[in-house]
Protein backbone atom coordinates (compact mmCIF):
# COMPACT_ATOMS: atom_id res chain seq x y z
CA MET A 1 248.17 260.06 41.00
CA ILE A 2 250.04 258.62 38.05
CA GLY A 3 253.64 257.93 39.00
CA GLU A 4 256.79 257.05 37.15
CA LYS A 5 256.92 255.40 33.75
CA ILE A 6 257.90 251.77 34.43
CA GLY A 7 257.76 250.24 30.98
CA GLU A 8 257.14 250.42 27.28
CA GLU A 9 256.23 247.91 24.60
CA THR A 10 255.68 247.30 20.91
CA SER A 11 253.50 244.50 19.54
CA LYS A 12 252.02 242.92 16.44
CA THR A 13 248.50 241.50 16.29
CA MET A 14 248.80 237.91 15.09
CA GLY A 15 245.15 236.95 14.77
CA ARG A 16 241.56 238.04 15.30
CA ARG A 17 238.25 236.26 15.56
CA VAL A 18 234.66 237.30 16.17
CA LEU A 19 233.25 235.79 19.37
CA SER A 20 229.75 237.24 19.23
CA VAL A 21 227.47 239.37 17.09
CA ASP A 22 224.48 239.11 19.46
CA GLY A 23 223.93 242.53 21.00
CA ASN A 24 227.30 244.27 21.10
CA PRO A 25 229.89 242.57 18.85
CA VAL A 26 232.92 241.05 20.61
CA ILE A 27 236.26 240.56 18.85
CA GLU A 28 239.17 238.60 20.28
CA SER A 29 242.75 239.49 19.28
CA SER A 30 246.05 237.77 19.98
CA ALA A 31 249.36 239.61 19.84
CA HIS A 32 253.07 239.08 20.38
CA GLY A 33 255.30 241.87 21.62
CA SER A 34 258.49 242.93 23.33
CA GLY A 35 259.50 245.68 25.67
CA THR A 36 260.97 246.59 29.02
CA LEU A 37 259.34 246.60 32.44
CA LEU A 38 261.18 247.84 35.53
CA GLY A 39 264.34 247.73 33.44
CA VAL A 40 263.90 244.09 32.42
CA ALA A 41 263.70 243.28 28.70
CA TYR A 42 260.91 240.80 27.85
CA ASP A 43 258.81 239.13 25.17
CA THR A 44 255.08 238.78 25.66
CA ASP A 45 252.07 236.91 24.33
CA MET A 46 248.60 238.27 25.05
CA THR A 47 244.97 237.77 24.21
CA TYR A 48 242.29 240.40 24.65
CA THR A 49 238.66 240.97 23.80
CA ALA A 50 237.07 244.20 22.65
CA LYS A 51 233.33 244.71 23.03
CA LEU A 52 231.85 247.41 20.78
CA GLN A 53 229.53 249.75 22.69
CA PRO A 54 226.47 251.50 21.20
CA ASP A 55 228.32 254.85 21.21
CA GLY A 56 231.22 253.38 19.17
CA SER A 57 233.63 253.06 22.10
CA LEU A 58 235.22 249.75 23.13
CA VAL A 59 235.47 247.96 26.46
CA GLY A 60 238.36 245.52 26.66
CA GLU A 61 239.82 242.81 28.85
CA GLY A 62 243.07 240.93 28.39
CA ILE A 63 245.50 238.40 29.78
CA GLY A 64 249.12 237.72 29.03
CA VAL A 65 252.49 236.25 29.93
CA LEU A 66 255.79 238.14 30.09
CA MET A 67 259.04 236.21 29.60
CA GLY A 68 262.11 238.16 30.66
CA LYS A 69 265.39 237.80 28.79
CA GLY A 70 267.06 236.71 32.07
CA GLY A 71 264.54 233.98 32.94
CA GLU A 72 262.00 236.25 34.66
CA THR A 73 258.30 235.44 34.22
CA ALA A 74 255.13 237.34 35.03
CA THR A 75 251.46 237.20 34.13
CA PHE A 76 248.99 240.03 33.81
CA THR A 77 245.32 240.83 33.52
CA ALA A 78 244.15 244.08 31.98
CA GLN A 79 240.99 246.14 31.62
CA GLY A 80 240.52 249.21 29.51
CA VAL A 81 238.48 251.41 27.24
CA GLY A 82 239.24 252.21 23.65
CA LYS A 83 238.17 254.43 20.83
CA LEU A 84 238.47 253.89 17.12
CA THR A 85 240.86 256.25 15.36
CA ALA A 86 240.28 257.98 12.04
CA SER A 87 243.00 255.83 10.44
CA GLY A 88 241.31 252.52 11.41
CA GLY A 89 243.23 251.72 14.58
CA VAL A 90 242.31 251.77 18.25
CA SER A 91 243.55 253.99 21.07
CA TRP A 92 243.42 252.22 24.46
CA ARG A 93 243.67 253.40 28.10
CA GLY A 94 243.41 251.12 31.11
CA SER A 95 244.89 249.25 34.03
CA LEU A 96 247.20 246.25 34.41
CA TYR A 97 247.57 243.85 37.35
CA HIS A 98 250.78 241.80 37.29
CA ARG A 99 251.86 238.71 39.23
CA SER A 100 255.45 237.48 39.46
CA SER A 101 257.53 235.40 41.85
CA HIS A 102 260.80 236.67 40.40
CA SER A 103 262.71 239.16 42.57
CA ARG A 104 263.25 241.61 39.68
CA TRP A 105 259.49 241.87 39.14
CA SER A 106 258.11 241.25 42.65
CA ARG A 107 257.32 244.97 43.04
CA LEU A 108 254.64 244.47 40.39
CA ASN A 109 252.59 242.36 42.81
CA THR A 110 251.76 245.42 44.92
CA ILE A 111 250.98 248.09 42.33
CA VAL A 112 248.33 248.98 39.80
CA ALA A 113 249.85 249.92 36.46
CA MET A 114 248.11 252.24 34.02
CA PHE A 115 248.67 251.89 30.29
CA GLU A 116 248.28 253.93 27.11
CA TYR A 117 248.42 251.87 23.94
CA GLU A 118 247.93 252.67 20.28
CA VAL A 119 247.22 249.96 17.69
CA ASP A 120 247.13 250.93 14.02
CA ALA A 121 244.95 249.43 11.28
CA ALA A 122 247.70 246.93 10.39
CA GLY A 123 247.84 245.62 13.98
CA ASP A 124 251.12 247.27 14.97
CA GLY A 125 250.96 248.47 18.56
CA LYS A 126 253.01 250.72 20.80
CA GLY A 127 252.46 251.85 24.35
CA PHE A 128 253.80 252.58 27.78
CA VAL A 129 253.03 251.71 31.41
CA GLN A 130 253.05 253.96 34.47
CA GLU A 131 252.68 253.10 38.13
CA TRP A 132 249.51 254.40 39.78
CA ARG A 133 250.39 255.77 43.20
């Protein structure tokens, strides 16, 4: 069951590069963002790959670092699926696994977080995170 909303974020894609065109194309993107997670304001840097599937959907994986405004730090790995939107963006759904030694984010070590994220054609992203119970 999806539980409470624990965070939200906005981001900007800073760069993209093609990693492979053999078989299903793979594109890597890097982004910088900011948001709140468990009430802690943060900045983040992330890198993810999107692999185009024969049916036009995307399979993605990502990694990132969160830097809280009060000195908190956390890392994450993510997996998800996406679909291209009519306006040239991507709509993503998936899971996040966080790791942190900071007391304000230690709860993240024991939960799976589910995300919904929308990225427009210009690379502007917005999404939210919920705890999966």
